[in-house]
Protein backbone atom coordinates (compact mmCIF):
# COMPACT_ATOMS: atom_id res chain seq x y z
CA GLN A 1 -1.12 -24.92 -26.35
CA VAL A 2 -0.54 -22.08 -23.94
CA GLN A 3 -2.16 -21.54 -20.57
CA LEU A 4 -2.35 -18.12 -18.94
CA VAL A 5 -3.26 -17.57 -15.30
CA GLU A 6 -3.80 -14.09 -13.88
CA SER A 7 -3.59 -13.13 -10.23
CA GLY A 8 -3.29 -10.06 -8.04
CA GLY A 9 -6.66 -8.39 -8.41
CA GLY A 10 -8.71 -7.10 -5.54
CA LEU A 11 -10.38 -4.12 -3.92
CA VAL A 12 -8.34 -0.95 -3.54
CA GLN A 13 -9.13 2.65 -2.63
CA PRO A 14 -8.72 5.45 -5.17
CA GLY A 15 -5.08 6.47 -5.38
CA GLY A 16 -3.91 3.02 -4.36
CA SER A 17 -1.81 0.45 -6.19
CA LEU A 18 -2.04 -3.16 -7.30
CA ARG A 19 0.27 -5.47 -9.21
CA LEU A 20 -1.24 -8.06 -11.50
CA SER A 21 0.64 -11.14 -12.63
CA CYS A 22 0.09 -13.38 -15.65
CA ALA A 23 1.91 -16.70 -15.55
CA ALA A 24 2.30 -18.58 -18.81
CA SER A 25 2.79 -22.31 -19.22
CA GLY A 26 2.71 -24.80 -22.05
CA SER A 27 4.33 -23.97 -25.38
CA ILE A 28 5.84 -20.82 -23.98
CA PHE A 29 8.82 -20.85 -26.30
CA SER A 30 6.40 -19.70 -29.00
CA ILE A 31 5.22 -16.66 -27.07
CA ASN A 32 6.36 -13.30 -28.34
CA ALA A 33 4.20 -10.36 -27.36
CA MET A 34 1.73 -10.30 -24.51
CA GLY A 35 -0.94 -7.84 -23.55
CA TRP A 36 -3.17 -6.82 -20.69
CA TYR A 37 -6.79 -6.02 -21.49
CA ARG A 38 -9.70 -4.96 -19.35
CA GLN A 39 -13.45 -5.12 -19.59
CA ALA A 40 -15.73 -2.99 -17.48
CA PRO A 41 -19.41 -3.91 -17.02
CA GLY A 42 -21.39 -3.16 -20.16
CA LYS A 43 -18.30 -2.13 -22.11
CA LEU A 44 -16.04 -3.67 -24.71
CA ARG A 45 -12.77 -5.35 -23.80
CA ILE A 46 -9.92 -2.95 -24.55
CA LEU A 47 -6.15 -3.10 -24.66
CA VAL A 48 -4.47 -1.56 -21.64
CA ALA A 49 -0.80 -2.35 -22.18
CA HIS A 50 1.35 -4.46 -24.49
CA ILE A 51 4.90 -5.75 -24.32
CA THR A 52 7.02 -7.54 -26.91
CA LYS A 53 9.46 -10.36 -26.26
CA PHE A 54 12.27 -7.83 -26.26
CA GLY A 55 10.58 -5.42 -23.88
CA SER A 56 9.08 -2.77 -26.12
CA THR A 57 5.90 -1.42 -24.58
CA ASN A 58 2.86 0.64 -25.40
CA TYR A 59 -0.11 1.80 -23.34
CA ALA A 60 -3.64 3.06 -23.67
CA ASP A 61 -3.76 6.82 -23.22
CA SER A 62 -5.99 6.43 -20.17
CA VAL A 63 -3.27 4.59 -18.21
CA LYS A 64 -0.06 6.22 -19.46
CA GLY A 65 2.08 7.40 -16.58
CA ARG A 66 0.14 5.30 -14.06
CA PHE A 67 0.51 1.69 -15.27
CA THR A 68 3.70 -0.18 -16.12
CA ILE A 69 3.88 -3.49 -17.94
CA SER A 70 6.94 -5.69 -17.54
CA ARG A 71 7.97 -9.27 -18.06
CA ASP A 72 10.28 -11.80 -16.47
CA ASN A 73 11.16 -14.26 -19.21
CA ALA A 74 12.90 -16.58 -16.74
CA LYS A 75 9.62 -16.92 -14.81
CA ASN A 76 7.42 -16.80 -17.92
CA THR A 77 5.41 -14.08 -16.22
CA VAL A 78 4.11 -10.68 -17.27
CA TYR A 79 3.21 -8.03 -14.72
CA LEU A 80 1.03 -4.96 -14.69
CA GLN A 81 1.92 -2.47 -11.99
CA MET A 82 -1.04 -0.15 -11.49
CA ASN A 83 -0.55 3.06 -9.51
CA SER A 84 -2.80 6.04 -8.80
CA LEU A 85 -5.83 3.88 -9.42
CA LYS A 86 -9.14 5.53 -10.25
CA PRO A 87 -12.70 4.25 -9.98
CA GLU A 88 -12.83 4.11 -13.78
CA ASP A 89 -10.07 1.51 -13.71
CA THR A 90 -12.57 -0.93 -12.23
CA ALA A 91 -12.82 -3.92 -14.57
CA VAL A 92 -11.91 -7.53 -15.09
CA TYR A 93 -8.32 -7.63 -16.32
CA TYR A 94 -7.17 -10.30 -18.75
CA CYS A 95 -3.84 -11.21 -20.26
CA ARG A 96 -3.62 -12.38 -23.83
CA THR A 97 -1.08 -13.75 -26.25
CA VAL A 98 -1.13 -14.97 -29.82
CA VAL A 99 0.84 -17.95 -31.10
CA GLY A 100 0.59 -18.36 -34.84
CA SER A 101 -3.09 -17.87 -35.61
CA GLN A 102 -4.29 -18.95 -32.16
CA GLU A 103 -5.02 -16.46 -29.43
CA TYR A 104 -5.00 -17.38 -25.76
CA TRP A 105 -6.67 -15.61 -22.86
CA GLY A 106 -6.44 -16.00 -19.13
CA GLN A 107 -9.52 -16.37 -16.97
CA GLY A 108 -9.37 -12.76 -15.77
CA THR A 109 -8.90 -11.10 -12.40
CA GLN A 110 -11.27 -8.52 -10.92
CA VAL A 111 -9.96 -5.09 -9.99
CA THR A 112 -12.31 -2.84 -8.06
CA VAL A 113 -11.34 0.73 -7.18
CA SER A 114 -13.71 2.16 -4.62
CA SER A 115 -13.75 3.98 -1.32
């Protein structure tokens, strides 16, 4: 069993920044890759950024150059640094991992970009 808890969301003006955190607990030794996803109202949940256990990353085209995913294995935490935020980044952000055939999701954190 793995538990994921996100934090760091909030309301920010366009052009602003936020840093999301995803803290993992439980059978964390089994965790390899982790990802950040987002779901805007009325839209599908999509992958935003992904990081492997060894630090390899990839990003959705819409966030490349603005978002950075990182992880602190000592703290069992993954971060998503979001800069130059746009109104279209407004969504609930979730972290996810897969252990064996079981996927785990956090509860989500709301990010709202608005003036």
